[in-house]
C-alpha cells in the first residue's frame, strides 16, 4: 500500500510579515506549510510529485506571480494555485484564471475565505492524484492480459454473454468462463460493474 498522503502548502510571498502571518493561519487547520520569499528558489526546489496547493503573490520583485504561474502550467504542474494580490483588477483576475489559477483573492485576504479555498483545493488535488493512480494501476493490470483475454474483455464490455462470446471467438462456454475468471483475477475486480467502469476504455481498441 502507498503511504498516506500528507498535503503541503507552498506559500510564496516576498513580504516577510504577510508570509509569517499566512503560514501561521494555514497551520491552524492542520496543513503543513513551506514558505518562500524568493519565487525562483521555489521553482528550483519544488517537488511536482508532492500533494497540496500553491499560494502565490502576484506582485514580487524580480519575477511576477503571473510569470511563475505560467511557468508552472507550462511544466504540467497539477497543483491548484491560489493567487493573492493587493492591487486586484478585473483584467488581472481574468488573466490569472485564464492562465490556470484555481482562485484569485485580494489582500488583505479574509482568513475564512483563504482557508476554505485551500481546503477545497487540497481535496481536489488529492482526489485527482488518487484517480490518476487508479487509472495507472488499471493500465498496468490490463497490460498483463493475454491477447485472448483482451478479446474476451472487449466482448464482455459490449454486453455479450458467455455463449455469445464463445460463438464470436469460436470457443466453448467453459473456455470463455475460464478466460473470464482469469481476467477478473488479473484485473483485481469483483463485479461486472467494476470491470466496465475501469476497463471499458482500455478494452475498446480490441473491438476496432
Protein backbone atom coordinates (compact mmCIF):
# COMPACT_ATOMS: atom_id res chain seq x y z
CA UNK A 1 0.00 0.00 0.00
CA UNK A 2 1.14 3.55 -0.69
CA UNK A 3 2.00 5.91 2.15
CA UNK A 4 -0.80 8.20 3.36
CA UNK A 5 -0.97 11.50 1.51
CA UNK A 6 0.39 14.44 3.52
CA UNK A 7 -0.63 17.70 1.83
CA UNK A 8 1.87 20.54 1.76
CA UNK A 9 1.00 24.17 1.03
CA UNK A 10 3.69 26.19 -0.74
CA UNK A 11 3.38 29.86 0.20
CA UNK A 12 5.29 32.32 -1.99
CA UNK A 13 5.28 35.97 -0.92
CA UNK A 14 8.18 38.43 -0.65
CA UNK A 15 6.58 40.30 2.29
CA UNK A 16 8.02 38.79 5.50
CA UNK A 17 5.10 39.87 7.69
CA UNK A 18 2.44 38.59 5.30
CA UNK A 19 4.32 35.35 4.77
CA UNK A 20 4.64 34.70 8.51
CA UNK A 21 1.01 35.60 9.19
CA UNK A 22 -0.40 33.42 6.41
CA UNK A 23 1.85 30.49 7.31
CA UNK A 24 0.57 30.65 10.89
CA UNK A 25 -3.04 30.88 9.69
CA UNK A 26 -2.75 27.91 7.32
CA UNK A 27 -1.17 25.83 10.04
CA UNK A 28 -4.23 26.29 12.25
CA UNK A 29 -6.22 23.86 10.07
CA UNK A 30 -3.56 21.18 10.23
CA UNK A 31 -1.95 21.81 6.86
CA UNK A 32 1.81 21.77 6.50
CA UNK A 33 3.31 24.96 5.09
CA UNK A 34 6.57 25.68 3.32
CA UNK A 35 7.09 29.43 2.95
CA UNK A 36 9.23 31.03 0.24
CA UNK A 37 10.37 34.64 -0.08
CA UNK A 38 12.05 34.01 -3.44
CA UNK A 39 9.84 32.57 -6.21
CA UNK A 40 12.89 31.46 -8.19
CA UNK A 41 14.15 29.43 -5.22
CA UNK A 42 10.69 27.85 -5.01
CA UNK A 43 10.79 26.94 -8.70
CA UNK A 44 14.20 25.32 -8.33
CA UNK A 45 13.19 23.22 -5.32
CA UNK A 46 9.54 22.46 -6.00
CA UNK A 47 8.66 18.76 -5.94
CA UNK A 48 5.97 18.13 -8.55
CA UNK A 49 5.17 14.74 -7.00
CA UNK A 50 4.04 16.32 -3.74
CA UNK A 51 0.39 16.72 -2.78
CA UNK A 52 -1.14 20.07 -1.85
CA UNK A 53 -1.60 23.55 -3.26
CA UNK A 54 0.31 26.74 -4.01
CA UNK A 55 -0.45 30.21 -2.63
CA UNK A 56 1.26 32.75 -4.86
CA UNK A 57 1.52 36.53 -4.56
CA UNK A 58 1.07 38.38 -7.85
CA UNK A 59 3.48 41.29 -7.34
CA UNK A 60 7.03 40.35 -6.36
CA UNK A 61 10.40 41.86 -7.27
CA UNK A 62 12.37 40.12 -9.99
CA UNK A 63 9.65 37.79 -11.23
CA UNK A 64 5.89 38.25 -11.02
CA UNK A 65 3.46 35.71 -9.71
CA UNK A 66 1.81 35.51 -13.12
CA UNK A 67 5.17 34.58 -14.67
CA UNK A 68 5.59 31.85 -12.06
CA UNK A 69 2.05 30.65 -12.76
CA UNK A 70 2.74 30.48 -16.49
CA UNK A 71 5.94 28.51 -15.84
CA UNK A 72 4.12 26.04 -13.58
CA UNK A 73 1.39 25.47 -16.15
CA UNK A 74 3.97 25.06 -18.95
CA UNK A 75 5.66 22.34 -16.89
CA UNK A 76 2.38 20.49 -16.45
CA UNK A 77 2.18 21.09 -12.69
CA UNK A 78 -1.23 19.92 -11.47
CA UNK A 79 -1.21 21.66 -8.08
CA UNK A 80 -4.08 24.14 -7.62
CA UNK A 81 -2.71 27.69 -7.48
CA UNK A 82 -4.36 30.41 -5.41
CA UNK A 83 -3.24 33.89 -6.45
CA UNK A 84 -3.08 36.78 -3.95
CA UNK A 85 -2.77 40.47 -4.76
CA UNK A 86 -3.09 43.80 -3.02
CA UNK A 87 -3.85 45.55 -6.30
CA UNK A 88 -6.59 43.48 -7.90
CA UNK A 89 -8.26 44.44 -11.16
CA UNK A 90 -10.78 42.64 -13.31
CA UNK A 91 -8.18 42.24 -16.05
CA UNK A 92 -5.59 40.84 -13.63
CA UNK A 93 -8.11 38.39 -12.24
CA UNK A 94 -9.17 37.34 -15.74
CA UNK A 95 -5.54 36.83 -16.79
CA UNK A 96 -4.74 34.73 -13.71
CA UNK A 97 -7.79 32.49 -14.07
CA UNK A 98 -7.26 32.11 -17.82
CA UNK A 99 -3.64 31.09 -17.12
CA UNK A 100 -4.80 28.29 -14.83
CA UNK A 101 -5.19 29.74 -11.34
CA UNK A 102 -7.77 27.95 -9.21
CA UNK A 103 -8.67 31.08 -7.24
CA UNK A 104 -7.86 34.80 -7.17
CA UNK A 105 -8.09 36.64 -3.82
CA UNK A 106 -7.39 40.23 -2.86
CA UNK A 107 -5.30 41.32 0.13
CA UNK A 108 -5.94 41.75 2.93
CA UNK A 109 -7.37 38.31 2.39
CA UNK A 110 -10.24 37.13 4.58
CA UNK A 111 -8.95 34.27 6.75
CA UNK A 112 -12.02 32.06 6.31
CA UNK A 113 -12.14 32.63 2.55
CA UNK A 114 -8.48 31.65 2.14
CA UNK A 115 -8.76 28.59 4.37
CA UNK A 116 -11.89 27.40 2.58
CA UNK A 117 -10.25 27.88 -0.81
CA UNK A 118 -7.18 25.96 0.34
CA UNK A 119 -9.15 23.08 1.80
CA UNK A 120 -11.18 22.76 -1.39
CA UNK A 121 -8.01 22.91 -3.49
CA UNK A 122 -6.28 20.23 -1.42
CA UNK A 123 -9.30 17.91 -1.56
CA UNK A 124 -9.47 18.32 -5.32
CA UNK A 125 -5.75 17.65 -5.72
CA UNK A 126 -5.82 14.55 -3.53
CA UNK A 127 -8.85 13.25 -5.46
CA UNK A 128 -7.19 13.96 -8.79
CA UNK A 129 -3.99 12.15 -7.80
CA UNK A 130 -5.96 9.17 -6.48
CA UNK A 131 -7.88 8.92 -9.77
CA UNK A 132 -4.65 9.11 -11.75
CA UNK A 133 -3.09 6.41 -9.59
CA UNK A 134 -6.12 4.15 -10.06
CA UNK A 135 -6.01 4.76 -13.82
CA UNK A 136 -2.30 3.92 -13.96
CA UNK A 137 -2.83 0.73 -11.98
CA UNK A 138 -5.69 -0.24 -14.30
CA UNK A 139 -3.44 0.18 -17.35
CA UNK A 140 -0.68 -1.85 -15.72
CA UNK A 141 -3.09 -4.69 -14.92
CA UNK A 142 -4.59 -4.58 -18.41
CA UNK A 143 -1.10 -4.98 -19.87
CA UNK A 144 -0.84 -8.35 -18.07
CA UNK A 145 -3.76 -9.84 -20.02
CA UNK A 146 -3.18 -12.24 -22.90
CA UNK A 147 -4.48 -11.30 -26.34
CA UNK A 148 -7.36 -13.76 -25.96
CA UNK A 149 -8.27 -12.36 -22.54
CA UNK A 150 -8.35 -8.87 -24.05
CA UNK A 151 -10.72 -10.11 -26.77
CA UNK A 152 -12.99 -11.66 -24.14
CA UNK A 153 -12.86 -8.45 -22.09
CA UNK A 154 -13.82 -6.34 -25.09
CA UNK A 155 -16.86 -8.51 -25.76
CA UNK A 156 -17.87 -8.53 -22.08
CA UNK A 157 -17.77 -4.73 -22.12
CA UNK A 158 -20.03 -4.81 -25.21
CA UNK A 159 -22.56 -6.75 -23.16
CA UNK A 160 -22.24 -10.20 -24.74
CA UNK A 161 -23.00 -13.35 -22.74
CA UNK A 162 -20.52 -16.19 -22.38
CA UNK A 163 -22.33 -18.17 -25.11
CA UNK A 164 -22.30 -15.19 -27.46
CA UNK A 165 -18.61 -14.58 -26.77
CA UNK A 166 -17.92 -18.27 -27.41
CA UNK A 167 -19.67 -18.13 -30.78
CA UNK A 168 -17.86 -14.91 -31.74
CA UNK A 169 -14.42 -16.33 -30.88
CA UNK A 170 -15.02 -19.99 -31.70
CA UNK A 171 -14.65 -21.07 -28.07
CA UNK A 172 -16.70 -23.27 -25.77
CA UNK A 173 -18.66 -21.53 -23.00
CA UNK A 174 -16.46 -23.31 -20.45
CA UNK A 175 -13.32 -21.88 -22.06
CA UNK A 176 -14.88 -18.43 -22.09
CA UNK A 177 -15.72 -18.81 -18.41
CA UNK A 178 -12.09 -19.72 -17.69
CA UNK A 179 -10.82 -16.66 -19.56
CA UNK A 180 -13.40 -14.53 -17.77
CA UNK A 181 -12.28 -15.82 -14.35
CA UNK A 182 -8.61 -15.25 -15.24
CA UNK A 183 -9.11 -11.67 -16.37
CA UNK A 184 -11.24 -10.84 -13.30
CA UNK A 185 -8.37 -12.13 -11.15
CA UNK A 186 -5.64 -10.30 -13.09
CA UNK A 187 -7.59 -7.03 -13.13
CA UNK A 188 -8.49 -7.42 -9.45
CA UNK A 189 -12.19 -6.66 -9.94
CA UNK A 190 -15.06 -8.32 -8.10
CA UNK A 191 -18.06 -7.30 -10.19
CA UNK A 192 -19.09 -6.67 -13.77
CA UNK A 193 -19.87 -3.04 -12.92
CA UNK A 194 -16.35 -2.57 -11.53
CA UNK A 195 -14.90 -4.19 -14.64
CA UNK A 196 -16.81 -1.96 -17.03
CA UNK A 197 -16.18 1.21 -15.02
CA UNK A 198 -12.40 0.76 -15.04
CA UNK A 199 -11.70 -1.08 -18.29
CA UNK A 200 -14.30 -0.09 -20.91
CA UNK A 201 -11.99 2.50 -22.48
CA UNK A 202 -8.96 0.21 -22.39
CA UNK A 203 -10.91 -2.67 -23.92
CA UNK A 204 -12.28 -0.58 -26.79
CA UNK A 205 -9.24 -0.95 -29.13
CA UNK A 206 -9.70 -4.74 -29.07
CA UNK A 207 -13.00 -4.29 -30.89
CA UNK A 208 -11.85 -1.95 -33.61
